[in-house]
Amino acid sequence: MNEIFQLNLRHLDALLVTGRSGSMSAAAREVNLSQPALAQAMAKMERVLGERLFDRQPAGVTPTTAGRIMMLRIDRALHYLAHGGRLVRRSARLSPLPHIERRVTMVQLRALIAVEGNSSYVQASELTGLSQPAVHRAVRELQDILGTDLFVRVGRIVRPTDVASRFVRFARLMLSELRAGFDEVRAMNTDDAGRVTVGILPSARAIFFSDLLARFTTAHVSAAVKVVEASYRDLLAGLRQGDLDLIIGARRDPAPHRDVVQEELFDDDPVVVGRADHPLRGKEQLELSDLLGYPWVISAPGIPLRNKWEQIFTSRGVEPPRLRIECGSVLVTRGLLLQGDWLTLVSRDQFLFEYRAGTLTEIGNLGAELRRRIALTRRRDWMPTPLQADFVERTHALARERDEH
């Protein structure tokens, strides 16, 4: 990420203009840079990437393969930044701000993102390595350019305005595009260069995802995969602002936002689970009345599985058991199950190892009403790198294998 923040937005714009016009002198004039300064900026970026971006000839310049990759990514990145700027100006009832990429700086964006994410100028300073006065100055300058306040002070913390949070989302999307461009260019010489960042929900953490990671890392020995475990709300926020490439977990119905797409993978049938010597073990016909006399541990309200669990009882006119513990942690839940007559509802994959070890067992299956669809969620406008696209394809291929079995 740090190398991305070292980039100069005006230089990126100049690279784009150069590729489109085929002339460095024309690009320098359009972005108000001297030609030597533009040549120096291009040379610096080529050193960082390890690839030539343009073939220079007497008649002009022609983008190389690496140049075309970066042009596409820069175009998308600046589009996100411009869109964020339009939203801010529109919210403040101000006229559009043309060529925002020629007005704001990476330092300003870095300071904004750090303050917005930490609600503190002090922490933003520590995170970015910028002095506190520099962070304050960068945010103030950005506010002046955008024409609206981005933060309000509440006691000792600063809170972003709604406008600031929306702008930060598009600034992060801009950064994700630039990272993808760097990864794609570097993969030209290193087949497996690049990264995939995946958000994982409990329904996909067990056997399926482990198999997927094993297959992918075997095929791409130099690739990096970052796995993020968090609440669905936090994962979705990360996905929509470009910090995550995709999420694997239970499908939401309806889709949470118009800008995300859910690609279905396979069906999952949660079952009632308890300790191996639970009093209900071996009962031939499991009735709802049997389940009312034992303590349950289930995730918090709003989670699809919790909703389905409640519907199993309410649809039959039965009040769901009173929950003494609400918990979405698989590890904590497993620990509780081993300590007493607790019951929970999980996928068979999620307690497979404990089942094999003889510590937990399946108490019963409450029927197809609990069935849920596991899906891969991505941004609608996401343009994956070849490495990321292969991860997606392997995810679907493994899901098809699972369905066939």
Protein backbone atom coordinates (compact mmCIF):
# COMPACT_ATOMS: atom_id res chain seq x y z
CA MET A 1 0.00 0.00 0.00
CA ASN A 2 2.81 2.44 0.86
CA GLU A 3 4.18 2.38 -2.68
CA ILE A 4 0.74 3.29 -3.99
CA PHE A 5 0.68 6.33 -1.72
CA GLN A 6 4.01 7.41 -3.18
CA LEU A 7 2.35 7.90 -6.56
CA ASN A 8 1.43 11.35 -7.81
CA LEU A 9 -2.13 11.73 -9.07
CA ARG A 10 -1.17 14.35 -11.62
CA HIS A 11 1.53 12.05 -12.96
CA LEU A 12 -0.98 9.21 -13.26
CA ASP A 13 -3.29 11.50 -15.18
CA ALA A 14 -0.37 12.50 -17.38
CA LEU A 15 0.41 8.85 -18.11
CA LEU A 16 -3.16 8.34 -19.22
CA VAL A 17 -3.13 11.44 -21.41
CA THR A 18 0.23 10.42 -22.88
CA GLY A 19 -1.07 7.01 -23.90
CA ARG A 20 -4.18 8.44 -25.47
CA SER A 21 -2.47 11.24 -27.34
CA GLY A 22 0.72 9.40 -28.24
CA SER A 23 2.69 12.51 -27.34
CA MET A 24 4.51 13.39 -24.13
CA SER A 25 4.70 17.07 -25.08
CA ALA A 26 0.94 17.24 -25.63
CA ALA A 27 0.33 15.46 -22.34
CA ALA A 28 2.69 17.80 -20.48
CA ARG A 29 0.81 20.81 -21.80
CA GLU A 30 -2.60 19.37 -20.92
CA VAL A 31 -1.74 18.52 -17.32
CA ASN A 32 0.41 21.64 -16.86
CA LEU A 33 3.74 19.88 -16.32
CA SER A 34 7.07 20.53 -17.95
CA GLN A 35 8.13 17.82 -20.37
CA PRO A 36 11.29 17.01 -18.35
CA ALA A 37 9.16 16.65 -15.20
CA LEU A 38 6.79 14.30 -17.04
CA ALA A 39 9.67 12.24 -18.43
CA GLN A 40 11.13 11.99 -14.93
CA ALA A 41 7.78 10.89 -13.49
CA MET A 42 7.39 8.19 -16.14
CA ALA A 43 10.91 6.92 -15.53
CA LYS A 44 10.24 6.70 -11.79
CA MET A 45 7.07 4.67 -12.30
CA GLU A 46 8.84 2.36 -14.74
CA ARG A 47 11.57 1.73 -12.15
CA VAL A 48 9.00 0.88 -9.50
CA LEU A 49 7.12 -1.47 -11.82
CA GLY A 50 10.22 -2.94 -13.45
CA GLU A 51 8.64 -2.55 -16.89
CA ARG A 52 8.67 0.02 -19.69
CA LEU A 53 5.32 1.71 -20.08
CA PHE A 54 5.91 3.32 -23.48
CA ASP A 55 7.97 2.67 -26.58
CA ARG A 56 9.50 6.02 -27.48
CA GLN A 57 9.91 6.85 -31.19
CA PRO A 58 10.57 10.06 -33.14
CA ALA A 59 6.90 10.27 -34.09
CA GLY A 60 5.66 9.86 -30.52
CA VAL A 61 5.10 7.17 -27.91
CA THR A 62 3.16 3.91 -27.98
CA PRO A 63 1.98 2.09 -24.85
CA THR A 64 3.64 -1.26 -24.16
CA THR A 65 1.63 -4.16 -22.75
CA ALA A 66 2.46 -2.90 -19.27
CA GLY A 67 1.47 0.59 -20.32
CA ARG A 68 -1.92 -0.57 -21.57
CA ILE A 69 -2.54 -2.44 -18.32
CA MET A 70 -1.72 0.63 -16.26
CA MET A 71 -3.74 2.93 -18.50
CA LEU A 72 -6.84 0.80 -17.98
CA ARG A 73 -6.36 0.64 -14.22
CA ILE A 74 -5.54 4.34 -13.92
CA ASP A 75 -8.61 5.22 -15.97
CA ARG A 76 -10.81 3.18 -13.63
CA ALA A 77 -9.02 4.57 -10.55
CA LEU A 78 -9.48 8.20 -11.57
CA HIS A 79 -13.10 7.49 -12.49
CA TYR A 80 -13.74 6.37 -8.90
CA LEU A 81 -12.05 9.48 -7.53
CA ALA A 82 -14.02 11.76 -9.84
CA HIS A 83 -17.28 10.01 -8.91
CA GLY A 84 -16.54 10.48 -5.22
CA GLY A 85 -15.81 14.15 -5.83
CA ARG A 86 -19.10 14.61 -7.69
CA LEU A 87 -21.02 13.06 -4.79
CA VAL A 88 -19.38 15.42 -2.32
CA ARG A 89 -20.03 18.53 -4.42
CA ARG A 90 -23.61 17.49 -5.17
CA SER A 91 -24.30 16.91 -1.46
CA ALA A 92 -22.95 20.39 -0.71
CA ARG A 93 -25.03 21.81 -3.61
CA LEU A 94 -21.90 22.97 -5.39
CA SER A 95 -21.05 22.83 -9.06
CA PRO A 96 -18.96 19.87 -10.31
CA LEU A 97 -15.21 20.02 -9.83
CA PRO A 98 -13.51 19.16 -13.15
CA HIS A 99 -10.27 17.17 -13.14
CA ILE A 100 -10.23 16.52 -9.40
CA GLU A 101 -7.16 14.32 -9.94
CA ARG A 102 -5.24 17.48 -10.84
CA ARG A 103 -6.33 19.27 -7.67
CA VAL A 104 -5.99 16.76 -4.83
CA THR A 105 -2.88 14.87 -3.74
CA MET A 106 -2.14 11.41 -2.44
CA VAL A 107 -0.99 12.94 0.84
CA GLN A 108 -4.40 14.54 1.28
CA LEU A 109 -6.21 11.30 0.48
CA ARG A 110 -3.95 9.29 2.76
CA ALA A 111 -4.57 11.68 5.64
CA LEU A 112 -8.33 11.63 5.02
CA ILE A 113 -8.52 7.83 4.94
CA ALA A 114 -6.44 7.52 8.11
CA VAL A 115 -8.46 10.07 10.09
CA GLU A 116 -11.78 8.65 8.86
CA GLY A 117 -10.75 5.11 9.81
CA ASN A 118 -9.43 6.00 13.27
CA SER A 119 -11.50 9.04 14.31
CA SER A 120 -8.28 10.60 15.53
CA TYR A 121 -5.63 12.90 14.10
CA VAL A 122 -3.11 11.45 16.56
CA GLN A 123 -3.67 7.87 15.43
CA ALA A 124 -3.75 8.97 11.80
CA SER A 125 -0.36 10.56 12.30
CA GLU A 126 1.07 7.38 13.84
CA LEU A 127 -0.42 5.23 11.09
CA THR A 128 0.80 7.32 8.15
CA GLY A 129 4.11 8.55 9.52
CA LEU A 130 3.02 12.12 8.81
CA SER A 131 3.30 14.72 11.55
CA GLN A 132 0.08 15.81 13.22
CA PRO A 133 0.32 19.31 11.72
CA ALA A 134 0.79 17.73 8.29
CA VAL A 135 -2.32 15.56 8.75
CA HIS A 136 -4.37 18.56 9.89
CA ARG A 137 -3.09 20.63 6.97
CA ALA A 138 -3.78 17.89 4.41
CA VAL A 139 -7.38 17.41 5.62
CA ARG A 140 -7.97 21.18 5.73
CA GLU A 141 -6.66 21.58 2.19
CA LEU A 142 -8.88 18.77 0.96
CA GLN A 143 -11.91 20.33 2.63
CA ASP A 144 -11.11 23.63 0.89
CA ILE A 145 -10.86 21.90 -2.49
CA LEU A 146 -14.09 19.93 -2.03
CA GLY A 147 -15.91 22.88 -0.56
CA THR A 148 -17.39 21.19 2.50
CA ASP A 149 -16.48 20.04 6.01
CA LEU A 150 -15.41 16.41 6.23
CA PHE A 151 -15.19 15.98 10.02
CA VAL A 152 -16.93 17.19 13.15
CA ARG A 153 -15.30 17.10 16.58
CA VAL A 154 -17.17 15.26 19.35
CA GLY A 155 -15.22 15.47 22.58
CA ARG A 156 -11.78 14.02 22.01
CA ILE A 157 -12.63 12.27 18.77
CA VAL A 158 -13.43 13.47 15.29
CA ARG A 159 -16.28 11.92 13.39
CA PRO A 160 -16.50 11.84 9.61
CA THR A 161 -19.54 13.37 8.02
CA ASP A 162 -21.65 11.12 5.81
CA VAL A 163 -20.15 12.93 2.83
CA ALA A 164 -16.61 12.15 4.02
CA SER A 165 -17.37 8.45 4.48
CA ARG A 166 -18.84 8.23 0.99
CA PHE A 167 -15.83 10.00 -0.49
CA VAL A 168 -13.42 7.72 1.40
CA ARG A 169 -15.16 4.70 -0.08
CA PHE A 170 -14.38 5.87 -3.61
CA ALA A 171 -10.85 6.91 -2.65
CA ARG A 172 -10.26 3.36 -1.41
CA LEU A 173 -11.69 1.95 -4.62
CA MET A 174 -9.22 4.12 -6.49
CA LEU A 175 -6.35 2.65 -4.47
CA SER A 176 -7.58 -0.90 -5.07
CA GLU A 177 -7.47 -0.33 -8.84
CA LEU A 178 -3.92 0.97 -8.66
CA ARG A 179 -2.85 -2.04 -6.56
CA ALA A 180 -4.43 -4.35 -9.12
CA GLY A 181 -2.52 -2.60 -11.91
CA PHE A 182 0.77 -3.06 -10.08
CA ASP A 183 -0.01 -6.73 -9.49
CA GLU A 184 -0.89 -7.34 -13.13
CA VAL A 185 2.25 -5.67 -14.45
CA ARG A 186 4.50 -7.55 -12.05
CA ALA A 187 2.82 -10.83 -12.98
CA MET A 188 4.17 -10.37 -16.50
CA ASN A 189 7.57 -11.57 -15.26
CA THR A 190 6.47 -13.60 -12.25
CA ASP A 191 3.63 -15.93 -13.18
CA ASP A 192 2.07 -16.10 -9.72
CA ALA A 193 2.62 -12.52 -8.58
CA GLY A 194 -0.35 -10.85 -7.01
CA ARG A 195 -2.81 -11.26 -4.20
CA VAL A 196 -6.38 -12.21 -3.39
CA THR A 197 -8.16 -10.86 -0.32
CA VAL A 198 -11.14 -12.94 0.76
CA GLY A 199 -13.73 -12.28 3.43
CA ILE A 200 -15.00 -15.48 5.06
CA LEU A 201 -18.17 -16.16 7.04
CA PRO A 202 -18.60 -19.15 9.40
CA SER A 203 -20.62 -21.12 6.86
CA ALA A 204 -17.61 -21.33 4.52
CA ARG A 205 -14.69 -21.61 6.95
CA ALA A 206 -14.50 -25.35 7.22
CA ILE A 207 -13.71 -28.05 4.67
CA PHE A 208 -14.76 -26.21 1.51
CA PHE A 209 -12.57 -23.17 2.04
CA SER A 210 -9.60 -25.21 3.27
CA ASP A 211 -9.77 -27.34 0.11
CA LEU A 212 -10.04 -24.22 -2.03
CA LEU A 213 -6.97 -22.62 -0.45
CA ALA A 214 -4.95 -25.81 -0.77
CA ARG A 215 -5.74 -26.14 -4.48
CA PHE A 216 -5.17 -22.49 -5.27
CA THR A 217 -1.85 -22.17 -3.45
CA THR A 218 -0.60 -25.39 -5.05
CA ALA A 219 -1.36 -23.98 -8.49
CA HIS A 220 0.06 -20.51 -7.67
CA VAL A 221 3.04 -21.00 -5.41
CA SER A 222 4.01 -17.31 -5.25
CA ALA A 223 0.55 -15.85 -4.85
CA ALA A 224 -0.54 -14.27 -1.58
CA VAL A 225 -3.98 -14.91 -0.12
CA LYS A 226 -5.26 -12.79 2.76
CA VAL A 227 -8.22 -14.24 4.65
CA VAL A 228 -10.35 -11.83 6.68
CA GLU A 229 -12.85 -13.08 9.28
CA ALA A 230 -15.37 -10.56 10.56
CA SER A 231 -19.08 -9.85 10.77
CA TYR A 232 -21.02 -9.76 7.53
CA ARG A 233 -21.58 -6.04 7.93
CA ASP A 234 -17.85 -5.33 8.23
CA LEU A 235 -16.95 -7.67 5.38
CA LEU A 236 -19.54 -6.08 3.11
CA ALA A 237 -18.19 -2.61 3.89
CA GLY A 238 -14.68 -3.82 3.06
CA LEU A 239 -15.87 -5.35 -0.19
CA ARG A 240 -17.73 -2.25 -1.34
CA GLN A 241 -14.70 -0.02 -0.76
CA GLY A 242 -12.20 -2.32 -2.44
CA ASP A 243 -10.38 -3.64 0.65
CA LEU A 244 -11.75 -7.14 -0.08
CA ASP A 245 -11.96 -8.82 -3.47
CA LEU A 246 -14.81 -11.16 -2.57
CA ILE A 247 -16.78 -12.73 0.26
CA ILE A 248 -17.69 -16.41 0.63
CA GLY A 249 -20.59 -17.23 2.92
CA ALA A 250 -24.35 -17.60 3.23
CA ARG A 251 -26.32 -15.81 0.52
CA ARG A 252 -28.37 -12.79 1.58
CA ASP A 253 -31.89 -12.43 0.25
CA PRO A 254 -32.39 -9.87 -1.10
CA ALA A 255 -28.91 -8.75 -2.10
CA PRO A 256 -27.68 -6.12 0.38
CA HIS A 257 -26.79 -3.49 -2.24
CA ARG A 258 -27.26 -2.91 -5.94
CA ASP A 259 -23.50 -2.63 -6.42
CA VAL A 260 -22.80 -6.22 -5.32
CA VAL A 261 -23.48 -9.53 -7.05
CA GLN A 262 -24.02 -12.89 -5.31
CA GLU A 263 -22.89 -15.91 -7.35
CA GLU A 264 -24.40 -19.09 -5.93
CA LEU A 265 -22.05 -21.95 -5.05
CA PHE A 266 -23.80 -24.82 -3.19
CA ASP A 267 -26.53 -25.69 -0.71
CA ASP A 268 -25.77 -26.09 2.96
CA ASP A 269 -27.99 -27.98 5.43
CA PRO A 270 -27.34 -27.00 9.05
CA VAL A 271 -28.08 -29.64 11.69
CA VAL A 272 -28.60 -29.69 15.45
CA VAL A 273 -25.34 -30.54 17.22
CA GLY A 274 -24.48 -31.39 20.82
CA ARG A 275 -21.85 -33.26 22.80
CA ALA A 276 -21.34 -36.93 22.01
CA ASP A 277 -23.17 -38.13 25.15
CA HIS A 278 -25.99 -35.59 24.95
CA PRO A 279 -29.32 -36.95 26.33
CA LEU A 280 -30.99 -36.45 22.92
CA ARG A 281 -28.40 -38.51 21.06
CA GLY A 282 -29.92 -41.50 19.31
CA LYS A 283 -33.51 -40.33 19.56
CA GLU A 284 -35.20 -41.70 16.47
CA GLN A 285 -37.74 -38.95 15.95
CA LEU A 286 -36.63 -35.49 17.04
CA GLU A 287 -39.57 -33.27 17.99
CA LEU A 288 -39.54 -29.53 18.60
CA SER A 289 -40.70 -30.20 22.15
CA ASP A 290 -37.48 -32.17 22.72
CA LEU A 291 -35.42 -29.10 21.89
CA LEU A 292 -37.15 -26.75 24.31
CA GLY A 293 -35.71 -28.29 27.43
CA TYR A 294 -32.04 -27.67 26.65
CA PRO A 295 -29.93 -24.51 26.49
CA TRP A 296 -29.08 -23.14 23.04
CA VAL A 297 -26.20 -21.05 21.76
CA ILE A 298 -27.02 -19.30 18.47
CA SER A 299 -25.69 -16.25 16.63
CA ALA A 300 -27.19 -12.79 17.16
CA PRO A 301 -30.42 -11.60 15.49
CA GLY A 302 -30.19 -10.57 11.85
CA ILE A 303 -27.98 -13.48 10.82
CA PRO A 304 -29.73 -15.72 8.24
CA LEU A 305 -29.19 -18.91 10.27
CA ARG A 306 -30.61 -17.27 13.41
CA ASN A 307 -33.67 -16.16 11.43
CA LYS A 308 -34.21 -19.66 10.07
CA TRP A 309 -33.81 -21.18 13.54
CA GLU A 310 -36.51 -18.89 14.92
CA GLN A 311 -38.82 -19.61 11.97
CA ILE A 312 -38.61 -23.37 12.62
CA PHE A 313 -40.40 -22.78 15.93
CA THR A 314 -42.65 -19.81 15.15
CA SER A 315 -43.98 -21.38 11.93
CA ARG A 316 -45.37 -24.19 14.10
CA GLY A 317 -46.82 -21.86 16.69
CA VAL A 318 -44.06 -22.56 19.21
CA GLU A 319 -42.10 -19.90 21.04
CA PRO A 320 -38.34 -20.36 20.36
CA PRO A 321 -36.23 -21.38 23.37
CA ARG A 322 -34.95 -18.48 25.46
CA LEU A 323 -31.36 -17.84 24.47
CA ARG A 324 -28.99 -17.48 27.37
CA ILE A 325 -26.00 -16.99 25.05
CA GLU A 326 -25.88 -15.36 21.63
CA CYS A 327 -22.57 -16.10 19.95
CA GLY A 328 -21.34 -16.35 16.37
CA SER A 329 -17.90 -17.70 17.25
CA VAL A 330 -17.50 -21.33 16.20
CA LEU A 331 -14.66 -21.86 18.69
CA VAL A 332 -16.61 -20.51 21.66
CA THR A 333 -19.69 -22.48 20.63
CA ARG A 334 -17.71 -25.73 20.39
CA GLY A 335 -16.30 -25.11 23.86
CA LEU A 336 -19.77 -24.62 25.32
CA LEU A 337 -21.12 -27.78 23.68
CA LEU A 338 -18.43 -29.80 25.39
CA GLN A 339 -19.27 -28.33 28.82
CA GLY A 340 -22.88 -29.40 29.14
CA ASP A 341 -26.16 -30.14 27.38
CA TRP A 342 -25.96 -27.15 25.06
CA LEU A 343 -27.34 -27.35 21.53
CA THR A 344 -26.50 -25.35 18.45
CA LEU A 345 -27.22 -25.27 14.73
CA VAL A 346 -24.22 -25.57 12.38
CA SER A 347 -23.11 -27.05 9.09
CA ARG A 348 -21.82 -30.62 9.22
CA ASP A 349 -18.46 -29.41 7.92
CA GLN A 350 -18.05 -27.11 10.89
CA PHE A 351 -17.85 -29.89 13.47
CA LEU A 352 -16.41 -32.63 11.25
CA PHE A 353 -13.15 -32.93 13.18
CA GLU A 354 -14.93 -33.08 16.55
CA TYR A 355 -17.33 -35.68 15.14
CA ARG A 356 -14.42 -37.82 13.98
CA ALA A 357 -12.78 -37.41 17.40
CA GLY A 358 -15.99 -38.55 19.08
CA THR A 359 -16.56 -35.37 21.09
CA LEU A 360 -19.54 -33.85 19.22
CA THR A 361 -22.40 -35.48 17.36
CA GLU A 362 -25.35 -34.69 15.15
CA ILE A 363 -28.51 -34.67 17.26
CA GLY A 364 -30.89 -34.32 14.34
CA ASN A 365 -31.91 -32.58 11.13
CA LEU A 366 -34.84 -30.17 11.32
CA GLY A 367 -35.56 -30.37 7.61
CA ALA A 368 -35.13 -28.48 4.36
CA GLU A 369 -36.48 -25.26 5.87
CA LEU A 370 -33.02 -24.62 7.26
CA ARG A 371 -31.29 -25.03 3.93
CA ARG A 372 -29.24 -22.04 2.88
CA ARG A 373 -27.29 -21.20 -0.24
CA ILE A 374 -23.59 -20.46 0.03
CA ALA A 375 -22.49 -17.76 -2.38
CA LEU A 376 -19.51 -15.81 -3.62
CA THR A 377 -20.19 -12.08 -3.31
CA ARG A 378 -18.28 -9.51 -5.34
CA ARG A 379 -18.66 -5.93 -6.50
CA ARG A 380 -20.72 -5.59 -9.66
CA ASP A 381 -18.07 -3.45 -11.35
CA TRP A 382 -15.07 -5.44 -10.05
CA MET A 383 -12.46 -6.17 -12.71
CA PRO A 384 -10.34 -9.00 -11.28
CA THR A 385 -6.71 -9.55 -12.17
CA PRO A 386 -6.04 -12.84 -13.98
CA LEU A 387 -4.93 -14.33 -10.65
CA GLN A 388 -8.13 -13.23 -8.92
CA ALA A 389 -10.23 -14.47 -11.83
CA ASP A 390 -8.59 -17.89 -11.48
CA PHE A 391 -9.44 -17.93 -7.76
CA VAL A 392 -13.08 -17.26 -8.62
CA GLU A 393 -13.11 -19.99 -11.27
CA ARG A 394 -11.57 -22.51 -8.87
CA THR A 395 -14.18 -21.56 -6.27
CA HIS A 396 -17.01 -22.35 -8.69
CA ALA A 397 -15.29 -25.53 -9.90
CA LEU A 398 -14.93 -26.85 -6.35
CA ALA A 399 -18.56 -25.96 -5.63
CA ARG A 400 -19.66 -27.95 -8.70
CA GLU A 401 -17.63 -30.93 -7.46
CA ARG A 402 -19.32 -30.66 -4.08
CA ASP A 403 -22.78 -30.63 -5.64
CA GLU A 404 -21.94 -33.67 -7.77
CA HIS A 405 -21.02 -35.62 -4.66
